PDB file of N, CA and C in Angstrom:
ATOM      1  N   MET A   1       8.633 -26.273 -13.849  1.00  0.00           N
ATOM      2  CA  MET A   1       8.796 -26.189 -15.284  1.00  0.00           C
ATOM      3  C   MET A   1       9.589 -24.931 -15.614  1.00  0.00           C
ATOM      4  N   SER A   2      10.651 -25.061 -16.422  1.00  0.00           N
ATOM      5  CA  SER A   2      11.440 -23.894 -16.800  1.00  0.00           C
ATOM      6  C   SER A   2      10.937 -23.325 -18.123  1.00  0.00           C
ATOM      7  N   ILE A   3      11.069 -22.030 -18.245  1.00  0.00           N
ATOM      8  CA  ILE A   3      10.650 -21.343 -19.460  1.00  0.00           C
ATOM      9  C   ILE A   3      11.904 -20.974 -20.238  1.00  0.00           C
ATOM     10  N   ARG A   4      11.943 -21.395 -21.473  1.00  0.00           N
ATOM     11  CA  ARG A   4      13.091 -21.085 -22.320  1.00  0.00           C
ATOM     12  C   ARG A   4      12.994 -19.646 -22.810  1.00  0.00           C
ATOM     13  N   PRO A   5      14.089 -18.871 -22.713  1.00  0.00           N
ATOM     14  CA  PRO A   5      14.044 -17.485 -23.179  1.00  0.00           C
ATOM     15  C   PRO A   5      13.810 -17.411 -24.682  1.00  0.00           C
ATOM     16  N   SER A   6      13.146 -16.360 -25.098  1.00  0.00           N
ATOM     17  CA  SER A   6      12.908 -16.138 -26.528  1.00  0.00           C
ATOM     18  C   SER A   6      14.174 -15.627 -27.188  1.00  0.00           C
ATOM     19  N   LYS A   7      14.335 -15.973 -28.455  1.00  0.00           N
ATOM     20  CA  LYS A   7      15.457 -15.462 -29.243  1.00  0.00           C
ATOM     21  C   LYS A   7      14.892 -14.533 -30.306  1.00  0.00           C
ATOM     22  N   PHE A   8      15.477 -13.353 -30.391  1.00  0.00           N
ATOM     23  CA  PHE A   8      15.079 -12.361 -31.365  1.00  0.00           C
ATOM     24  C   PHE A   8      16.304 -11.892 -32.126  1.00  0.00           C
ATOM     25  N   GLN A   9      16.113 -11.519 -33.354  1.00  0.00           N
ATOM     26  CA  GLN A   9      17.156 -10.834 -34.102  1.00  0.00           C
ATOM     27  C   GLN A   9      16.646  -9.418 -34.295  1.00  0.00           C
ATOM     28  N   LEU A  10      17.267  -8.469 -33.581  1.00  0.00           N
ATOM     29  CA  LEU A  10      16.801  -7.092 -33.590  1.00  0.00           C
ATOM     30  C   LEU A  10      17.650  -6.237 -34.517  1.00  0.00           C
ATOM     31  N   LYS A  11      17.028  -5.249 -35.122  1.00  0.00           N
ATOM     32  CA  LYS A  11      17.716  -4.353 -36.044  1.00  0.00           C
ATOM     33  C   LYS A  11      18.340  -3.197 -35.263  1.00  0.00           C
ATOM     34  N   LEU A  12      19.628  -2.938 -35.516  1.00  0.00           N
ATOM     35  CA  LEU A  12      20.311  -1.803 -34.911  1.00  0.00           C
ATOM     36  C   LEU A  12      19.848  -0.535 -35.618  1.00  0.00           C
ATOM     37  N   LEU A  13      19.245   0.373 -34.858  1.00  0.00           N
ATOM     38  CA  LEU A  13      18.692   1.601 -35.430  1.00  0.00           C
ATOM     39  C   LEU A  13      19.648   2.779 -35.317  1.00  0.00           C
ATOM     40  N   GLU A  14      20.380   2.834 -34.206  1.00  0.00           N
ATOM     41  CA  GLU A  14      21.223   4.009 -33.959  1.00  0.00           C
ATOM     42  C   GLU A  14      22.277   3.685 -32.915  1.00  0.00           C
ATOM     43  N   VAL A  15      23.468   4.263 -33.088  1.00  0.00           N
ATOM     44  CA  VAL A  15      24.540   4.151 -32.108  1.00  0.00           C
ATOM     45  C   VAL A  15      24.918   5.567 -31.698  1.00  0.00           C
ATOM     46  N   THR A  16      24.989   5.803 -30.387  1.00  0.00           N
ATOM     47  CA  THR A  16      25.332   7.132 -29.886  1.00  0.00           C
ATOM     48  C   THR A  16      26.501   7.018 -28.927  1.00  0.00           C
ATOM     49  N   SER A  17      27.575   7.771 -29.198  1.00  0.00           N
ATOM     50  CA  SER A  17      28.674   7.849 -28.229  1.00  0.00           C
ATOM     51  C   SER A  17      28.423   9.079 -27.366  1.00  0.00           C
ATOM     52  N   HIS A  18      28.887   9.015 -26.146  1.00  0.00           N
ATOM     53  CA  HIS A  18      28.697  10.113 -25.197  1.00  0.00           C
ATOM     54  C   HIS A  18      30.058  10.754 -24.952  1.00  0.00           C
ATOM     55  N   PRO A  19      30.350  11.882 -25.637  1.00  0.00           N
ATOM     56  CA  PRO A  19      31.673  12.522 -25.555  1.00  0.00           C
ATOM     57  C   PRO A  19      32.120  12.766 -24.113  1.00  0.00           C
ATOM     58  N   GLY A  20      33.396  12.512 -23.872  1.00  0.00           N
ATOM     59  CA  GLY A  20      33.964  12.705 -22.550  1.00  0.00           C
ATOM     60  C   GLY A  20      33.770  11.520 -21.625  1.00  0.00           C
ATOM     61  N   THR A  21      33.117  10.457 -22.121  1.00  0.00           N
ATOM     62  CA  THR A  21      32.900   9.256 -21.314  1.00  0.00           C
ATOM     63  C   THR A  21      33.293   8.034 -22.136  1.00  0.00           C
ATOM     64  N   ASP A  22      33.281   6.886 -21.491  1.00  0.00           N
ATOM     65  CA  ASP A  22      33.498   5.619 -22.202  1.00  0.00           C
ATOM     66  C   ASP A  22      32.165   4.905 -22.412  1.00  0.00           C
ATOM     67  N   MET A  23      31.063   5.667 -22.434  1.00  0.00           N
ATOM     68  CA  MET A  23      29.713   5.123 -22.586  1.00  0.00           C
ATOM     69  C   MET A  23      29.234   5.226 -24.033  1.00  0.00           C
ATOM     70  N   MET A  24      28.458   4.227 -24.433  1.00  0.00           N
ATOM     71  CA  MET A  24      27.784   4.234 -25.732  1.00  0.00           C
ATOM     72  C   MET A  24      26.378   3.707 -25.532  1.00  0.00           C
ATOM     73  N   SER A  25      25.454   4.197 -26.352  1.00  0.00           N
ATOM     74  CA  SER A  25      24.073   3.721 -26.316  1.00  0.00           C
ATOM     75  C   SER A  25      23.722   3.127 -27.666  1.00  0.00           C
ATOM     76  N   PHE A  26      22.938   2.055 -27.619  1.00  0.00           N
ATOM     77  CA  PHE A  26      22.519   1.347 -28.825  1.00  0.00           C
ATOM     78  C   PHE A  26      21.006   1.270 -28.831  1.00  0.00           C
ATOM     79  N   LYS A  27      20.406   1.818 -29.881  1.00  0.00           N
ATOM     80  CA  LYS A  27      18.953   1.777 -30.028  1.00  0.00           C
ATOM     81  C   LYS A  27      18.620   0.643 -30.997  1.00  0.00           C
ATOM     82  N   LEU A  28      17.786  -0.286 -30.550  1.00  0.00           N
ATOM     83  CA  LEU A  28      17.412  -1.464 -31.333  1.00  0.00           C
ATOM     84  C   LEU A  28      15.906  -1.480 -31.535  1.00  0.00           C
ATOM     85  N   GLY A  29      15.473  -1.904 -32.719  1.00  0.00           N
ATOM     86  CA  GLY A  29      14.047  -2.069 -32.967  1.00  0.00           C
ATOM     87  C   GLY A  29      13.488  -3.181 -32.087  1.00  0.00           C
ATOM     88  N   ARG A  30      12.223  -3.082 -31.712  1.00  0.00           N
ATOM     89  CA  ARG A  30      11.623  -4.101 -30.833  1.00  0.00           C
ATOM     90  C   ARG A  30      11.050  -5.283 -31.601  1.00  0.00           C
ATOM     91  N   GLY A  31      10.907  -5.162 -32.905  1.00  0.00           N
ATOM     92  CA  GLY A  31      10.370  -6.259 -33.705  1.00  0.00           C
ATOM     93  C   GLY A  31      11.470  -7.146 -34.247  1.00  0.00           C
ATOM     94  N   ASP A  32      11.209  -8.436 -34.312  1.00  0.00           N
ATOM     95  CA  ASP A  32      12.166  -9.405 -34.848  1.00  0.00           C
ATOM     96  C   ASP A  32      12.261  -9.216 -36.358  1.00  0.00           C
ATOM     97  N   VAL A  33      13.485  -9.097 -36.877  1.00  0.00           N
ATOM     98  CA  VAL A  33      13.662  -8.865 -38.307  1.00  0.00           C
ATOM     99  C   VAL A  33      13.329 -10.097 -39.149  1.00  0.00           C
ATOM    100  N   GLU A  34      13.319 -11.282 -38.527  1.00  0.00           N
ATOM    101  CA  GLU A  34      13.048 -12.504 -39.275  1.00  0.00           C
ATOM    102  C   GLU A  34      11.616 -13.007 -39.137  1.00  0.00           C
ATOM    103  N   GLN A  35      10.914 -12.594 -38.089  1.00  0.00           N
ATOM    104  CA  GLN A  35       9.561 -13.094 -37.851  1.00  0.00           C
ATOM    105  C   GLN A  35       8.596 -11.921 -37.715  1.00  0.00           C
ATOM    106  N   GLU A  36       7.764 -11.749 -38.703  1.00  0.00           N
ATOM    107  CA  GLU A  36       6.775 -10.680 -38.674  1.00  0.00           C
ATOM    108  C   GLU A  36       5.826 -10.886 -37.489  1.00  0.00           C
ATOM    109  N   ASN A  37       5.434  -9.811 -36.852  1.00  0.00           N
ATOM    110  CA  ASN A  37       4.540  -9.823 -35.692  1.00  0.00           C
ATOM    111  C   ASN A  37       5.144 -10.508 -34.466  1.00  0.00           C
ATOM    112  N   HIS A  38       6.459 -10.655 -34.413  1.00  0.00           N
ATOM    113  CA  HIS A  38       7.150 -11.179 -33.241  1.00  0.00           C
ATOM    114  C   HIS A  38       7.805  -9.973 -32.569  1.00  0.00           C
ATOM    115  N   TYR A  39       7.300  -9.591 -31.411  1.00  0.00           N
ATOM    116  CA  TYR A  39       7.621  -8.326 -30.784  1.00  0.00           C
ATOM    117  C   TYR A  39       8.225  -8.564 -29.408  1.00  0.00           C
ATOM    118  N   LEU A  40       9.341  -7.908 -29.111  1.00  0.00           N
ATOM    119  CA  LEU A  40      10.002  -8.070 -27.827  1.00  0.00           C
ATOM    120  C   LEU A  40       9.203  -7.364 -26.740  1.00  0.00           C
ATOM    121  N   ASP A  41       8.747  -8.117 -25.766  1.00  0.00           N
ATOM    122  CA  ASP A  41       7.986  -7.580 -24.641  1.00  0.00           C
ATOM    123  C   ASP A  41       8.816  -7.805 -23.382  1.00  0.00           C
ATOM    124  N   TYR A  42       8.925  -6.795 -22.543  1.00  0.00           N
ATOM    125  CA  TYR A  42       9.728  -6.920 -21.331  1.00  0.00           C
ATOM    126  C   TYR A  42       9.166  -6.029 -20.234  1.00  0.00           C
ATOM    127  N   LYS A  43       9.660  -6.242 -19.025  1.00  0.00           N
ATOM    128  CA  LYS A  43       9.243  -5.455 -17.863  1.00  0.00           C
ATOM    129  C   LYS A  43      10.382  -4.540 -17.445  1.00  0.00           C
ATOM    130  N   ALA A  44      10.059  -3.451 -16.772  1.00  0.00           N
ATOM    131  CA  ALA A  44      11.079  -2.524 -16.276  1.00  0.00           C
ATOM    132  C   ALA A  44      12.082  -3.271 -15.401  1.00  0.00           C
ATOM    133  N   GLY A  45      13.359  -2.965 -15.598  1.00  0.00           N
ATOM    134  CA  GLY A  45      14.412  -3.589 -14.795  1.00  0.00           C
ATOM    135  C   GLY A  45      14.957  -4.882 -15.359  1.00  0.00           C
ATOM    136  N   GLN A  46      14.397  -5.373 -16.451  1.00  0.00           N
ATOM    137  CA  GLN A  46      14.891  -6.624 -17.027  1.00  0.00           C
ATOM    138  C   GLN A  46      16.193  -6.405 -17.788  1.00  0.00           C
ATOM    139  N   TYR A  47      16.873  -7.498 -18.002  1.00  0.00           N
ATOM    140  CA  TYR A  47      18.089  -7.464 -18.808  1.00  0.00           C
ATOM    141  C   TYR A  47      17.931  -8.432 -19.971  1.00  0.00           C
ATOM    142  N   ALA A  48      18.838  -8.321 -20.925  1.00  0.00           N
ATOM    143  CA  ALA A  48      18.830  -9.213 -22.076  1.00  0.00           C
ATOM    144  C   ALA A  48      20.236  -9.766 -22.286  1.00  0.00           C
ATOM    145  N   ALA A  49      20.331 -11.054 -22.545  1.00  0.00           N
ATOM    146  CA  ALA A  49      21.598 -11.672 -22.931  1.00  0.00           C
ATOM    147  C   ALA A  49      21.685 -11.573 -24.442  1.00  0.00           C
ATOM    148  N   MET A  50      22.748 -10.939 -24.928  1.00  0.00           N
ATOM    149  CA  MET A  50      22.872 -10.697 -26.364  1.00  0.00           C
ATOM    150  C   MET A  50      24.122 -11.337 -26.924  1.00  0.00           C
ATOM    151  N   ASP A  51      23.959 -11.986 -28.062  1.00  0.00           N
ATOM    152  CA  ASP A  51      25.081 -12.564 -28.800  1.00  0.00           C
ATOM    153  C   ASP A  51      25.592 -11.482 -29.732  1.00  0.00           C
ATOM    154  N   LEU A  52      26.801 -10.989 -29.469  1.00  0.00           N
ATOM    155  CA  LEU A  52      27.365  -9.900 -30.252  1.00  0.00           C
ATOM    156  C   LEU A  52      28.020 -10.379 -31.544  1.00  0.00           C
ATOM    157  N   GLY A  53      28.107 -11.689 -31.717  1.00  0.00           N
ATOM    158  CA  GLY A  53      28.639 -12.245 -32.952  1.00  0.00           C
ATOM    159  C   GLY A  53      30.141 -12.085 -33.119  1.00  0.00           C
ATOM    160  N   THR A  54      30.848 -11.781 -32.050  1.00  0.00           N
ATOM    161  CA  THR A  54      32.291 -11.599 -32.146  1.00  0.00           C
ATOM    162  C   THR A  54      32.998 -12.926 -31.893  1.00  0.00           C
ATOM    163  N   LYS A  55      34.071 -13.149 -32.600  1.00  0.00           N
ATOM    164  CA  LYS A  55      34.838 -14.379 -32.423  1.00  0.00           C
ATOM    165  C   LYS A  55      36.189 -14.116 -31.767  1.00  0.00           C
ATOM    166  N   GLU A  56      36.627 -12.854 -31.731  1.00  0.00           N
ATOM    167  CA  GLU A  56      37.957 -12.550 -31.220  1.00  0.00           C
ATOM    168  C   GLU A  56      38.028 -12.354 -29.708  1.00  0.00           C
ATOM    169  N   ASP A  57      36.904 -12.275 -29.023  1.00  0.00           N
ATOM    170  CA  ASP A  57      36.903 -12.075 -27.578  1.00  0.00           C
ATOM    171  C   ASP A  57      37.026 -13.416 -26.867  1.00  0.00           C
ATOM    172  N   VAL A  58      38.020 -13.543 -26.003  1.00  0.00           N
ATOM    173  CA  VAL A  58      38.259 -14.806 -25.302  1.00  0.00           C
ATOM    174  C   VAL A  58      37.123 -15.155 -24.340  1.00  0.00           C
ATOM    175  N   GLU A  59      36.314 -14.177 -23.923  1.00  0.00           N
ATOM    176  CA  GLU A  59      35.188 -14.436 -23.027  1.00  0.00           C
ATOM    177  C   GLU A  59      33.936 -14.885 -23.780  1.00  0.00           C
ATOM    178  N   GLY A  60      34.021 -14.940 -25.103  1.00  0.00           N
ATOM    179  CA  GLY A  60      32.886 -15.380 -25.906  1.00  0.00           C
ATOM    180  C   GLY A  60      32.020 -14.224 -26.380  1.00  0.00           C
ATOM    181  N   PRO A  61      31.021 -14.520 -27.202  1.00  0.00           N
ATOM    182  CA  PRO A  61      30.223 -13.468 -27.837  1.00  0.00           C
ATOM    183  C   PRO A  61      28.996 -13.005 -27.053  1.00  0.00           C
ATOM    184  N   VAL A  62      28.615 -13.693 -25.967  1.00  0.00           N
ATOM    185  CA  VAL A  62      27.361 -13.364 -25.275  1.00  0.00           C
ATOM    186  C   VAL A  62      27.631 -12.453 -24.078  1.00  0.00           C
ATOM    187  N   ARG A  63      26.871 -11.363 -24.006  1.00  0.00           N
ATOM    188  CA  ARG A  63      26.949 -10.416 -22.893  1.00  0.00           C
ATOM    189  C   ARG A  63      25.541 -10.114 -22.401  1.00  0.00           C
ATOM    190  N   SER A  64      25.425  -9.759 -21.125  1.00  0.00           N
ATOM    191  CA  SER A  64      24.144  -9.350 -20.555  1.00  0.00           C
ATOM    192  C   SER A  64      24.118  -7.833 -20.417  1.00  0.00           C
ATOM    193  N   PHE A  65      22.991  -7.242 -20.811  1.00  0.00           N
ATOM    194  CA  PHE A  65      22.821  -5.796 -20.753  1.00  0.00           C
ATOM    195  C   PHE A  65      21.475  -5.472 -20.116  1.00  0.00           C
ATOM    196  N   THR A  66      21.456  -4.457 -19.250  1.00  0.00           N
ATOM    197  CA  THR A  66      20.205  -3.958 -18.709  1.00  0.00           C
ATOM    198  C   THR A  66      19.518  -3.138 -19.795  1.00  0.00           C
ATOM    199  N   ILE A  67      18.228  -3.333 -19.946  1.00  0.00           N
ATOM    200  CA  ILE A  67      17.460  -2.558 -20.918  1.00  0.00           C
ATOM    201  C   ILE A  67      17.152  -1.209 -20.272  1.00  0.00           C
ATOM    202  N   ALA A  68      17.646  -0.123 -20.878  1.00  0.00           N
ATOM    203  CA  ALA A  68      17.548   1.209 -20.288  1.00  0.00           C
ATOM    204  C   ALA A  68      16.259   1.940 -20.654  1.00  0.00           C
ATOM    205  N   SER A  69      15.568   1.506 -21.681  1.00  0.00           N
ATOM    206  CA  SER A  69      14.351   2.192 -22.108  1.00  0.00           C
ATOM    207  C   SER A  69      13.133   1.666 -21.358  1.00  0.00           C
ATOM    208  N   SER A  70      12.088   2.462 -21.371  1.00  0.00           N
ATOM    209  CA  SER A  70      10.835   2.085 -20.726  1.00  0.00           C
ATOM    210  C   SER A  70      10.102   1.037 -21.551  1.00  0.00           C
ATOM    211  N   PRO A  71       9.461   0.074 -20.907  1.00  0.00           N
ATOM    212  CA  PRO A  71       8.656  -0.907 -21.644  1.00  0.00           C
ATOM    213  C   PRO A  71       7.495  -0.261 -22.404  1.00  0.00           C
ATOM    214  N   THR A  72       7.140   0.977 -22.049  1.00  0.00           N
ATOM    215  CA  THR A  72       6.056   1.663 -22.761  1.00  0.00           C
ATOM    216  C   THR A  72       6.516   2.244 -24.094  1.00  0.00           C
ATOM    217  N   GLU A  73       7.828   2.277 -24.325  1.00  0.00           N
ATOM    218  CA  GLU A  73       8.361   2.751 -25.611  1.00  0.00           C
ATOM    219  C   GLU A  73       8.050   1.693 -26.653  1.00  0.00           C
ATOM    220  N   GLN A  74       7.252   2.031 -27.625  1.00  0.00           N
ATOM    221  CA  GLN A  74       6.752   1.049 -28.595  1.00  0.00           C
ATOM    222  C   GLN A  74       7.725   0.700 -29.717  1.00  0.00           C
ATOM    223  N   GLU A  75       8.573   1.633 -30.115  1.00  0.00           N
ATOM    224  CA  GLU A  75       9.367   1.443 -31.329  1.00  0.00           C
ATOM    225  C   GLU A  75      10.760   0.858 -31.123  1.00  0.00           C
ATOM    226  N   PHE A  76      11.333   1.016 -29.934  1.00  0.00           N
ATOM    227  CA  PHE A  76      12.726   0.591 -29.764  1.00  0.00           C
ATOM    228  C   PHE A  76      13.009   0.204 -28.317  1.00  0.00           C
ATOM    229  N   ILE A  77      14.161  -0.467 -28.138  1.00  0.00           N
ATOM    230  CA  ILE A  77      14.740  -0.643 -26.812  1.00  0.00           C
ATOM    231  C   ILE A  77      16.094   0.053 -26.836  1.00  0.00           C
ATOM    232  N   LEU A  78      16.547   0.480 -25.683  1.00  0.00           N
ATOM    233  CA  LEU A  78      17.811   1.193 -25.574  1.00  0.00           C
ATOM    234  C   LEU A  78      18.710   0.449 -24.601  1.00  0.00           C
ATOM    235  N   ILE A  79      19.947   0.207 -25.041  1.00  0.00           N
ATOM    236  CA  ILE A  79      20.976  -0.430 -24.221  1.00  0.00           C
ATOM    237  C   ILE A  79      22.117   0.572 -24.112  1.00  0.00           C
ATOM    238  N   SER A  80      22.568   0.866 -22.910  1.00  0.00           N
ATOM    239  CA  SER A  80      23.735   1.737 -22.717  1.00  0.00           C
ATOM    240  C   SER A  80      24.778   0.955 -21.938  1.00  0.00           C
ATOM    241  N   THR A  81      26.043   1.123 -22.325  1.00  0.00           N
ATOM    242  CA  THR A  81      27.106   0.360 -21.687  1.00  0.00           C
ATOM    243  C   THR A  81      28.442   1.079 -21.806  1.00  0.00           C
ATOM    244  N   ARG A  82      29.374   0.701 -20.937  1.00  0.00           N
ATOM    245  CA  ARG A  82      30.742   1.190 -21.059  1.00  0.00           C
ATOM    246  C   ARG A  82      31.448   0.359 -22.120  1.00  0.00           C
ATOM    247  N   ILE A  83      32.262   1.016 -22.918  1.00  0.00           N
ATOM    248  CA  ILE A  83      33.060   0.327 -23.926  1.00  0.00           C
ATOM    249  C   ILE A  83      34.508   0.381 -23.456  1.00  0.00           C
ATOM    250  N   ARG A  84      35.074  -0.799 -23.244  1.00  0.00           N
ATOM    251  CA  ARG A  84      36.454  -0.876 -22.771  1.00  0.00           C
ATOM    252  C   ARG A  84      37.266  -1.728 -23.725  1.00  0.00           C
ATOM    253  N   VAL A  85      38.537  -1.376 -23.861  1.00  0.00           N
ATOM    254  CA  VAL A  85      39.456  -2.194 -24.641  1.00  0.00           C
ATOM    255  C   VAL A  85      39.931  -3.314 -23.740  1.00  0.00           C
ATOM    256  N   HIS A  86      39.790  -4.559 -24.213  1.00  0.00           N
ATOM    257  CA  HIS A  86      40.225  -5.723 -23.439  1.00  0.00           C
ATOM    258  C   HIS A  86      41.730  -5.706 -23.265  1.00  0.00           C
ATOM    259  N   ARG A  87      42.236  -6.166 -22.095  1.00  0.00           N
ATOM    260  CA  ARG A  87      43.669  -6.140 -21.807  1.00  0.00           C
ATOM    261  C   ARG A  87      44.510  -6.800 -22.889  1.00  0.00           C
ATOM    262  N   SER A  88      44.043  -7.920 -23.435  1.00  0.00           N
ATOM    263  CA  SER A  88      44.842  -8.620 -24.454  1.00  0.00           C
ATOM    264  C   SER A  88      44.937  -7.786 -25.728  1.00  0.00           C
ATOM    265  N   LYS A  89      43.898  -7.044 -26.065  1.00  0.00           N
ATOM    266  CA  LYS A  89      43.939  -6.183 -27.250  1.00  0.00           C
ATOM    267  C   LYS A  89      44.852  -4.988 -26.985  1.00  0.00           C
ATOM    268  N   ARG A  90      44.801  -4.437 -25.767  1.00  0.00           N
ATOM    269  CA  ARG A  90      45.621  -3.279 -25.429  1.00  0.00           C
ATOM    270  C   ARG A  90      47.100  -3.648 -25.523  1.00  0.00           C
ATOM    271  N   SER A  91      47.498  -4.815 -25.001  1.00  0.00           N
ATOM    272  CA  SER A  91      48.900  -5.213 -25.018  1.00  0.00           C
ATOM    273  C   SER A  91      49.367  -5.531 -26.438  1.00  0.00           C
ATOM    274  N   SER A  92      48.460  -5.970 -27.314  1.00  0.00           N
ATOM    275  CA  SER A  92      48.868  -6.271 -28.685  1.00  0.00           C
ATOM    276  C   SER A  92      48.994  -5.003 -29.521  1.00  0.00           C
ATOM    277  N   GLN A  93      48.482  -3.870 -29.019  1.00  0.00           N
ATOM    278  CA  GLN A  93      48.566  -2.605 -29.755  1.00  0.00           C
ATOM    279  C   GLN A  93      49.833  -1.839 -29.405  1.00  0.00           C
ATOM    280  N   ILE A  94      50.605  -2.306 -28.409  1.00  0.00           N
ATOM    281  CA  ILE A  94      51.810  -1.586 -27.973  1.00  0.00           C
ATOM    282  C   ILE A  94      52.939  -1.832 -28.938  1.00  0.00           C
TER     283      ILE A  94
END
């Protein structure tokens, strides 16, 4: 029997850029903004597939991110990732 993954709509709490790097961190609330008492529960080392809602990326809107925060953190989850300009966008900016 397969288990269908849960879908949550999480609130973006904070965005942090890391000067001198191409890294950014995104802090998201752990509670679903549409369903009261619906709380994201996860284990250390898990990842999340996230729909970024973008339409201009040829690879589509869904990306997988490792959850960087501890599952014991009650208020938020933290996602950190490299931000890169896609080749097609770079060539259109020339």
